[in-house]
Amino acid sequence: PERAANLTNIAVILQEQNRFNEALEYLQEALNCNLHTFGPLDLRTAATYHAVAMAHVSVQHYREALEFEKQCYNIYKALLGDEDKLTIQSHTWLKDFTAKAVDKAVQTPASILTPTSKTPAVRSSFSTSRQSVPSQLRKTRNDVGRLNLKLAQAKDQN
């Protein structure tokens, strides 16, 4: 558990230094650790899937981000239900990543290089700028930490 948390913390630092590809490598390793330690149906694993998705967004890999966020969403939905705040946030991220992936797919190489492109911009309700990724990652980690504490307390009461 500590190894995955340390890898995630290193990734946050790398993202703050705009070293996004390196951060992605650390997050992938953290995900592997969480999958091995906690399994595929765990809130820590879900948070790491989300962190990997956000790292992909920071380098404009929206299809990959979508795939990782789908895993996160499925875990939240299974463990927390449709109405939980994290499940709803993840669903919103899925819509955002889908729109960005579609927008990127319809752009031609010429329009990507031309700042006055006629390609319509897809607007998002969330900022996915490179600077926001580490703060979103920290927020998600804090939310999951609170949920893990609640789950542990609920188990102790039963």
Protein backbone atom coordinates (compact mmCIF):
# COMPACT_ATOMS: atom_id res chain seq x y z
CA PRO A 1 0.00 0.00 0.00
CA GLU A 2 2.76 2.46 0.86
CA ARG A 3 4.58 1.77 -2.41
CA ALA A 4 1.52 2.72 -4.48
CA ALA A 5 0.98 5.87 -2.41
CA ASN A 6 4.64 6.85 -2.79
CA LEU A 7 4.53 6.26 -6.55
CA THR A 8 1.41 8.41 -6.78
CA ASN A 9 3.04 11.19 -4.77
CA ILE A 10 6.07 11.12 -7.07
CA ALA A 11 3.72 11.34 -10.05
CA VAL A 12 2.02 14.42 -8.58
CA ILE A 13 5.41 16.11 -8.18
CA LEU A 14 6.37 15.21 -11.75
CA GLN A 15 3.09 16.60 -13.06
CA GLU A 16 3.68 19.85 -11.21
CA GLN A 17 7.02 20.02 -13.05
CA ASN A 18 5.25 19.39 -16.40
CA ARG A 19 6.94 15.98 -16.70
CA PHE A 20 3.72 14.30 -17.72
CA ASN A 21 5.03 11.20 -19.48
CA GLU A 22 7.23 10.32 -16.53
CA ALA A 23 4.31 10.89 -14.17
CA LEU A 24 2.22 8.53 -16.25
CA GLU A 25 4.82 5.78 -15.85
CA TYR A 26 4.75 6.17 -12.06
CA LEU A 27 0.95 6.13 -12.02
CA GLN A 28 0.85 2.98 -14.14
CA GLU A 29 3.15 1.30 -11.65
CA ALA A 30 0.99 2.54 -8.75
CA LEU A 31 -2.05 1.07 -10.49
CA ASN A 32 -0.29 -2.27 -10.88
CA CYS A 33 0.60 -2.23 -7.16
CA ASN A 34 -2.99 -1.43 -6.15
CA LEU A 35 -4.41 -4.11 -8.43
CA HIS A 36 -2.02 -6.66 -6.95
CA THR A 37 -2.51 -5.56 -3.33
CA PHE A 38 -6.19 -4.63 -3.18
CA GLY A 39 -7.68 -6.16 -6.31
CA PRO A 40 -9.75 -4.67 -9.09
CA LEU A 41 -12.75 -3.73 -6.91
CA ASP A 42 -11.28 -1.29 -4.38
CA LEU A 43 -11.61 2.46 -3.88
CA ARG A 44 -7.82 2.93 -3.89
CA THR A 45 -7.64 1.14 -7.22
CA ALA A 46 -10.46 3.34 -8.54
CA ALA A 47 -8.65 6.50 -7.45
CA THR A 48 -5.52 5.32 -9.22
CA TYR A 49 -7.47 4.56 -12.39
CA HIS A 50 -8.75 8.15 -12.22
CA ALA A 51 -5.23 9.49 -11.65
CA VAL A 52 -3.98 7.60 -14.72
CA ALA A 53 -6.91 8.98 -16.72
CA MET A 54 -6.06 12.53 -15.68
CA ALA A 55 -2.42 11.99 -16.60
CA HIS A 56 -3.51 10.87 -20.07
CA VAL A 57 -5.62 14.03 -20.36
CA SER A 58 -2.58 16.14 -19.54
CA VAL A 59 -0.88 14.81 -22.69
CA GLN A 60 -4.14 14.91 -24.71
CA HIS A 61 -4.57 11.12 -24.88
CA TYR A 62 -8.34 11.30 -24.49
CA ARG A 63 -9.18 7.79 -25.68
CA GLU A 64 -6.80 6.32 -23.14
CA ALA A 65 -8.16 8.64 -20.46
CA LEU A 66 -11.65 7.44 -21.31
CA GLU A 67 -10.68 3.79 -20.90
CA PHE A 68 -9.11 4.33 -17.49
CA GLU A 69 -11.97 6.52 -16.28
CA LYS A 70 -14.45 3.81 -17.33
CA GLN A 71 -12.69 1.42 -14.96
CA CYS A 72 -12.83 4.02 -12.19
CA TYR A 73 -16.53 4.66 -12.80
CA ASN A 74 -17.38 0.95 -12.78
CA ILE A 75 -15.65 0.49 -9.42
CA TYR A 76 -17.36 3.52 -7.86
CA LYS A 77 -20.73 2.40 -9.19
CA ALA A 78 -20.27 -1.13 -7.86
CA LEU A 79 -19.03 -0.07 -4.42
CA LEU A 80 -20.82 3.22 -3.83
CA GLY A 81 -23.88 3.22 -6.09
CA ASP A 82 -25.17 5.59 -8.74
CA GLU A 83 -25.95 8.48 -6.40
CA ASP A 84 -22.57 8.81 -4.68
CA LYS A 85 -20.60 11.99 -5.28
CA LEU A 86 -17.55 10.13 -6.65
CA THR A 87 -19.67 8.06 -9.04
CA ILE A 88 -21.39 11.19 -10.34
CA GLN A 89 -18.06 13.01 -10.74
CA SER A 90 -16.59 10.06 -12.60
CA HIS A 91 -19.60 9.95 -14.92
CA THR A 92 -19.12 13.64 -15.65
CA TRP A 93 -15.44 13.02 -16.42
CA LEU A 94 -16.48 10.23 -18.81
CA LYS A 95 -18.72 12.64 -20.72
CA ASP A 96 -15.96 15.25 -20.77
CA PHE A 97 -13.31 12.81 -22.02
CA THR A 98 -15.69 11.43 -24.64
CA ALA A 99 -16.34 14.92 -25.99
CA LYS A 100 -12.63 15.67 -26.08
CA ALA A 101 -11.84 12.37 -27.81
CA VAL A 102 -14.50 13.03 -30.44
CA ASP A 103 -13.29 16.58 -30.94
CA LYS A 104 -9.71 15.39 -31.38
CA ALA A 105 -10.78 12.61 -33.77
CA VAL A 106 -12.64 14.98 -36.12
CA GLN A 107 -9.72 17.36 -36.41
CA THR A 108 -7.61 16.96 -39.50
CA PRO A 109 -3.82 17.29 -39.28
CA ALA A 110 -4.02 20.68 -41.02
CA SER A 111 -6.59 22.01 -38.57
CA ILE A 112 -4.50 20.91 -35.59
CA LEU A 113 -1.64 23.11 -36.79
CA THR A 114 -3.83 26.05 -37.79
CA PRO A 115 -4.83 28.28 -34.89
CA THR A 116 -7.82 29.62 -36.85
CA SER A 117 -9.30 26.18 -37.39
CA LYS A 118 -12.97 25.95 -38.35
CA THR A 119 -13.31 22.81 -36.22
CA PRO A 120 -15.84 23.54 -33.47
CA ALA A 121 -14.37 23.52 -29.99
CA VAL A 122 -15.94 21.23 -27.46
CA ARG A 123 -16.41 23.08 -24.21
CA SER A 124 -16.13 21.33 -20.91
CA SER A 125 -17.63 22.05 -17.52
CA PHE A 126 -14.30 20.95 -16.02
CA SER A 127 -10.91 22.45 -16.56
CA THR A 128 -8.44 19.83 -17.70
CA SER A 129 -5.51 22.14 -18.11
CA ARG A 130 -2.14 20.73 -17.20
CA GLN A 131 -2.02 22.77 -14.02
CA SER A 132 -5.34 21.38 -12.75
CA VAL A 133 -4.39 17.70 -13.01
CA PRO A 134 -2.30 17.50 -9.79
CA SER A 135 -4.94 19.38 -7.80
CA GLN A 136 -7.68 17.08 -9.11
CA LEU A 137 -5.52 14.08 -8.21
CA ARG A 138 -5.00 15.36 -4.66
CA LYS A 139 -8.75 16.01 -4.27
CA THR A 140 -9.65 12.52 -5.49
CA ARG A 141 -7.08 10.95 -3.18
CA ASN A 142 -8.54 12.88 -0.22
CA ASP A 143 -12.12 11.84 -1.13
CA VAL A 144 -11.11 8.19 -1.37
CA GLY A 145 -9.25 8.39 1.93
CA ARG A 146 -12.40 9.66 3.66
CA LEU A 147 -14.47 6.89 2.05
CA ASN A 148 -12.01 4.19 3.12
CA LEU A 149 -12.24 5.49 6.68
CA LYS A 150 -16.06 5.36 6.55
CA LEU A 151 -15.98 1.83 5.15
CA ALA A 152 -13.60 0.70 7.91
CA GLN A 153 -15.82 2.27 10.57
CA ALA A 154 -18.91 0.60 9.09
CA LYS A 155 -17.15 -2.79 9.14
CA ASP A 156 -16.14 -2.27 12.78
CA GLN A 157 -19.78 -1.57 13.73
CA ASN A 158 -20.96 -4.80 12.09
